[in-house]
Protein backbone atom coordinates (compact mmCIF):
# COMPACT_ATOMS: atom_id res chain seq x y z
CA UNK A 1 -5.61 16.97 6.99
CA UNK A 2 -9.08 15.67 7.66
CA UNK A 3 -11.02 12.85 6.85
CA UNK A 4 -14.73 12.36 5.86
CA UNK A 5 -14.40 8.64 7.29
CA UNK A 6 -15.14 7.82 10.57
CA UNK A 7 -13.38 5.81 12.97
CA UNK A 8 -15.08 2.73 13.84
CA UNK A 9 -16.43 2.20 10.64
CA UNK A 10 -15.45 0.22 7.70
CA UNK A 11 -13.31 2.08 5.68
CA UNK A 12 -12.85 -0.64 2.16
CA UNK A 13 -15.74 -3.57 2.25
CA UNK A 14 -14.86 -6.45 0.15
CA UNK A 15 -17.66 -9.45 -0.48
CA UNK A 16 -16.45 -12.04 -2.90
CA UNK A 17 -13.80 -10.59 -4.84
CA UNK A 18 -12.24 -13.06 -7.65
CA UNK A 19 -9.68 -12.78 -10.12
CA UNK A 20 -8.37 -15.59 -12.08
CA UNK A 21 -6.08 -15.36 -15.11
CA UNK A 22 -6.10 -17.92 -17.19
CA UNK A 23 -5.80 -21.14 -15.41
CA UNK A 24 -4.54 -19.37 -12.40
CA UNK A 25 -6.57 -18.11 -9.34
CA UNK A 26 -5.23 -15.29 -8.53
CA UNK A 27 -7.86 -14.45 -5.80
CA UNK A 28 -9.98 -16.76 -4.50
CA UNK A 29 -13.39 -15.14 -3.41
CA UNK A 30 -11.96 -12.81 -0.21
CA UNK A 31 -13.97 -10.79 1.91
CA UNK A 32 -13.00 -8.19 3.66
CA UNK A 33 -13.72 -5.52 6.18
CA UNK A 34 -10.61 -2.35 6.74
CA UNK A 35 -11.60 0.17 9.75
CA UNK A 36 -11.47 3.79 8.66
CA UNK A 37 -9.00 5.43 11.06
CA UNK A 38 -6.42 2.50 10.83
CA UNK A 39 -2.66 1.68 9.58
CA UNK A 40 -3.61 -1.42 8.15
CA UNK A 41 -0.83 -3.91 6.16
CA UNK A 42 -2.21 -6.12 3.60
CA UNK A 43 0.41 -8.35 4.56
CA UNK A 44 1.53 -12.16 2.73
CA UNK A 45 4.56 -13.78 0.27
CA UNK A 46 5.35 -13.17 -2.89
CA UNK A 47 2.58 -13.92 -5.43
CA UNK A 48 -0.13 -13.94 -2.34
CA UNK A 49 -2.59 -12.03 -4.53
CA UNK A 50 -1.33 -8.24 -2.78
CA UNK A 51 -1.31 -6.24 -5.63
CA UNK A 52 -3.91 -8.09 -7.63
CA UNK A 53 -6.40 -7.16 -4.61
CA UNK A 54 -4.96 -3.76 -4.33
CA UNK A 55 -5.70 -3.18 -8.20
CA UNK A 56 -9.37 -4.30 -8.29
CA UNK A 57 -10.06 -2.48 -4.67
CA UNK A 58 -8.87 1.40 -6.60
CA UNK A 59 -10.24 0.28 -10.08
CA UNK A 60 -7.08 -0.56 -11.56
CA UNK A 61 -8.62 -3.77 -12.23
CA UNK A 62 -11.58 -5.10 -12.57
CA UNK A 63 -12.57 -8.22 -10.68
CA UNK A 64 -14.31 -11.90 -12.38
CA UNK A 65 -16.86 -11.72 -9.62
CA UNK A 66 -16.92 -9.59 -5.99
CA UNK A 67 -18.06 -6.01 -5.09
CA UNK A 68 -15.65 -3.77 -3.59
CA UNK A 69 -16.57 0.01 -1.38
CA UNK A 70 -14.46 2.27 -0.58
CA UNK A 71 -16.21 5.09 2.15
CA UNK A 72 -19.52 3.26 1.40
CA UNK A 73 -19.50 4.06 -3.06
CA UNK A 74 -18.95 1.21 -4.59
CA UNK A 75 -15.85 1.46 -6.78
CA UNK A 76 -17.44 0.00 -10.39
CA UNK A 77 -20.33 1.49 -10.36
CA UNK A 78 -19.46 5.13 -8.88
CA UNK A 79 -15.46 4.99 -9.85
CA UNK A 80 -15.43 9.46 -9.88
CA UNK A 81 -16.71 9.19 -6.53
CA UNK A 82 -14.44 7.06 -5.06
CA UNK A 83 -11.44 8.09 -7.31
CA UNK A 84 -11.87 11.27 -5.60
CA UNK A 85 -11.46 10.12 -2.11
CA UNK A 86 -8.68 7.89 -2.54
CA UNK A 87 -5.07 7.76 -3.15
CA UNK A 88 -2.99 5.08 -4.94
CA UNK A 89 0.98 4.37 -5.59
CA UNK A 90 1.41 0.82 -7.35
CA UNK A 91 3.95 -1.00 -7.17
CA UNK A 92 6.08 0.01 -10.57
CA UNK A 93 5.09 2.84 -10.52
CA UNK A 94 5.26 4.90 -14.20
CA UNK A 95 5.75 8.95 -13.33
CA UNK A 96 5.82 11.13 -16.12
CA UNK A 97 10.17 10.95 -16.46
CA UNK A 98 10.72 13.81 -18.28
CA UNK A 99 8.66 16.75 -16.16
CA UNK A 100 10.36 17.93 -12.89
CA UNK A 101 9.49 16.83 -9.44
CA UNK A 102 7.73 19.98 -9.10
CA UNK A 103 5.98 19.89 -12.85
CA UNK A 104 4.74 15.82 -11.99
CA UNK A 105 3.08 17.60 -8.61
CA UNK A 106 1.66 20.75 -10.02
CA UNK A 107 0.10 18.50 -13.19
CA UNK A 108 -0.99 15.93 -10.88
CA UNK A 109 -2.80 18.69 -8.64
CA UNK A 110 -4.57 20.57 -11.53
CA UNK A 111 -5.61 17.21 -13.04
CA UNK A 112 -7.40 16.89 -9.68
CA UNK A 113 -9.09 20.09 -10.05
CA UNK A 114 -7.73 21.57 -7.03
CA UNK A 115 -7.07 25.80 -7.64
CA UNK A 116 -3.55 26.55 -8.63
CA UNK A 117 -2.91 28.66 -5.86
CA UNK A 118 -4.02 25.90 -3.20
CA UNK A 119 -1.84 23.58 -5.78
CA UNK A 120 1.36 25.96 -5.29
CA UNK A 121 0.91 25.44 -1.11
CA UNK A 122 0.37 21.93 -1.12
CA UNK A 123 3.57 21.21 -3.42
CA UNK A 124 5.77 23.12 -1.84
CA UNK A 125 4.84 21.58 1.91
CA UNK A 126 5.08 17.74 0.69
CA UNK A 127 8.43 19.11 -1.14
CA UNK A 128 9.92 20.42 1.93
CA UNK A 129 8.23 17.42 4.40
CA UNK A 130 9.55 14.97 1.76
CA UNK A 131 13.09 16.08 2.08
CA UNK A 132 12.51 16.45 -2.11
CA UNK A 133 12.67 20.35 -1.81
CA UNK A 134 16.39 20.73 -3.49
CA UNK A 135 15.33 18.14 -6.33
CA UNK A 136 12.23 19.52 -7.29
CA UNK A 137 13.32 21.06 -10.07
CA UNK A 138 15.23 18.64 -11.42
CA UNK A 139 14.10 15.78 -13.53
CA UNK A 140 11.61 12.34 -12.48
CA UNK A 141 13.63 10.65 -15.11
CA UNK A 142 17.00 11.28 -12.65
CA UNK A 143 15.22 10.61 -9.49
CA UNK A 144 16.39 7.39 -7.21
CA UNK A 145 14.12 5.13 -6.00
CA UNK A 146 13.87 6.12 -3.02
CA UNK A 147 13.35 9.92 -4.50
CA UNK A 148 10.57 7.84 -7.22
CA UNK A 149 9.06 6.35 -4.31
CA UNK A 150 8.71 9.67 -2.24
CA UNK A 151 6.95 11.90 -5.39
CA UNK A 152 4.84 9.34 -5.93
CA UNK A 153 3.60 9.57 -2.47
CA UNK A 154 3.13 13.23 -2.85
CA UNK A 155 1.17 12.86 -5.92
CA UNK A 156 -1.03 10.53 -3.98
CA UNK A 157 -1.55 12.89 -1.29
CA UNK A 158 -2.05 16.21 -2.78
CA UNK A 159 -5.56 16.03 -2.92
CA UNK A 160 -5.76 14.74 0.49
CA UNK A 161 -7.64 11.63 0.29
CA UNK A 162 -9.70 9.64 2.45
CA UNK A 163 -8.05 6.73 2.12
CA UNK A 164 -4.27 6.17 0.83
CA UNK A 165 -3.34 2.92 -1.07
CA UNK A 166 0.65 1.74 -1.16
CA UNK A 167 1.80 -1.15 -2.45
CA UNK A 168 5.17 -2.36 -1.58
CA UNK A 169 5.66 1.17 0.03
CA UNK A 170 9.20 0.92 1.50
CA UNK A 171 10.38 -1.48 -1.32
CA UNK A 172 14.24 -0.68 -2.99
CA UNK A 173 14.16 2.28 -0.12
CA UNK A 174 16.99 3.59 1.76
CA UNK A 175 16.68 3.94 5.42
CA UNK A 176 16.46 7.81 5.70
CA UNK A 177 13.74 7.57 2.37
CA UNK A 178 12.22 5.55 4.36
CA UNK A 179 11.86 7.32 7.72
CA UNK A 180 10.47 9.84 5.81
CA UNK A 181 7.73 8.26 4.07
CA UNK A 182 6.72 6.52 7.83
CA UNK A 183 6.98 10.24 9.24
CA UNK A 184 4.23 11.46 6.94
CA UNK A 185 2.07 8.32 7.02
CA UNK A 186 1.71 8.01 10.72
CA UNK A 187 0.61 11.76 9.71
CA UNK A 188 -1.95 11.18 7.67
CA UNK A 189 -3.24 8.03 10.03
CA UNK A 190 -2.75 10.45 13.16
CA UNK A 191 -5.81 13.18 11.49
CA UNK A 192 -8.16 10.25 11.24
CA UNK A 193 -7.58 9.04 7.56
CA UNK A 194 -6.82 5.42 6.95
CA UNK A 195 -3.58 3.58 4.66
CA UNK A 196 -3.63 0.24 3.77
CA UNK A 197 -0.38 -1.18 2.25
CA UNK A 198 0.42 -4.28 1.33
CA UNK A 199 4.12 -5.57 2.12
CA UNK A 200 5.88 -8.92 3.05
CA UNK A 201 8.58 -7.20 5.61
CA UNK A 202 6.74 -8.47 8.76
CA UNK A 203 9.08 -6.09 11.23
CA UNK A 204 7.68 -3.19 9.55
CA UNK A 205 4.16 -4.33 9.20
CA UNK A 206 4.48 -4.94 13.47
CA UNK A 207 6.24 -1.80 14.22
CA UNK A 208 3.71 0.46 11.98
CA UNK A 209 0.03 -1.00 11.66
CA UNK A 210 -2.41 -1.31 14.31
CA UNK A 211 -5.19 -4.08 11.79
CA UNK A 212 -3.84 -7.09 9.38
CA UNK A 213 -4.57 -8.83 6.88
CA UNK A 214 -3.46 -11.93 5.94
CA UNK A 215 -3.17 -13.01 2.61
CA UNK A 216 -2.05 -16.72 0.99
CA UNK A 217 -2.51 -18.76 -2.26
CA UNK A 218 -5.26 -16.20 -3.07
CA UNK A 219 -7.05 -16.30 0.60
CA UNK A 220 -7.85 -14.46 3.74
CA UNK A 221 -6.06 -16.49 5.53
CA UNK A 222 -6.55 -14.19 9.24
CA UNK A 223 -8.04 -10.41 9.39
CA UNK A 224 -7.59 -8.21 12.23
CA UNK A 225 -5.91 -6.35 14.83
CA UNK A 226 -2.11 -6.81 15.35
CA UNK A 227 -2.93 -8.26 18.37
CA UNK A 228 -5.65 -10.74 17.28
CA UNK A 229 -3.50 -11.66 14.18
CA UNK A 230 -0.85 -12.33 16.86
CA UNK A 231 -2.75 -14.27 19.43
CA UNK A 232 0.05 -16.54 20.97
CA UNK A 233 2.69 -16.28 18.86
CA UNK A 234 5.60 -14.05 20.22
CA UNK A 235 5.91 -12.00 17.07
CA UNK A 236 3.85 -11.15 13.66
CA UNK A 237 6.25 -13.33 11.78
CA UNK A 238 6.16 -16.77 13.75
CA UNK A 239 1.96 -15.57 13.48
CA UNK A 240 2.58 -15.39 9.62
CA UNK A 241 4.66 -18.08 9.28
CA UNK A 242 2.06 -20.28 10.55
CA UNK A 243 -1.11 -19.48 8.53
CA UNK A 244 0.81 -19.72 5.24
CA UNK A 245 1.86 -22.93 6.46
CA UNK A 246 5.29 -22.01 6.31
CA UNK A 247 6.62 -22.32 9.88
CA UNK A 248 7.82 -25.89 10.02
CA UNK A 249 9.63 -25.68 6.34
CA UNK A 250 12.36 -27.70 6.40
CA UNK A 251 15.16 -25.72 4.69
CA UNK A 252 19.04 -27.40 4.80
CA UNK A 253 18.33 -31.64 4.34
CA UNK A 254 18.46 -31.63 0.80
CA UNK A 255 22.04 -28.99 0.37
CA UNK A 256 23.63 -31.04 2.02
CA UNK A 257 26.40 -30.19 -0.26
CA UNK A 258 26.17 -26.61 0.40
CA UNK A 259 28.70 -24.60 2.03
CA UNK A 260 32.28 -25.81 2.92
CA UNK A 261 33.94 -22.88 -0.05
CA UNK A 262 35.64 -25.44 -2.25
CA UNK A 263 33.56 -26.53 -5.47
CA UNK A 264 33.12 -30.21 -5.55
């Protein structure tokens, strides 16, 4: 795989991004510069605004204010150019469940305008690498969670995007499928492409990513290389807890009734 993005430049540039749902501010005027050619983690607790941010960056949700550029193209002024250069695996992705895995990928490739021969070649390779060849003629409705994640990833990779966006790609995935997905993503970024994925599992982010943005309550609390964000903390988990204001939270003083085995 190859990428048109140049390492050291910004694959994604976000300025003043806002989104409000009723009285709830989901994203509060964030700025981000996500470097090209990196494995990037957008991390934060549940409800931090990660999914809303990724939805706006990828053109799935229109912001109230602000701008987003992906590989130099404005997401809302030039959506066709942007969508041709990105792959997206949203959380809770809805698939065409009455197609087989292979049919779904062929359909996705043809929608992208790829020649049929090239689609067939890429689909066969992706099914093999993602350990789905044995289930390629099985209906997607009968796929497990891990298989659904893998077929969704295959569809997102099929057109060889420059930037790949993944929302909680390892959520609910078994260890074997997770290792397979991880191997494919590491190979993809090694080619110079960019992966941006959201997660709240710090151990996973620390083992995969070389650049991190920490988000809480709709704001960016820190962004930079893994070492810069971790700072003097022994682990990213500890740094994360401090950044989101949960480092000294007392979890037990009000639960003195809990434990002992007998109801009382």
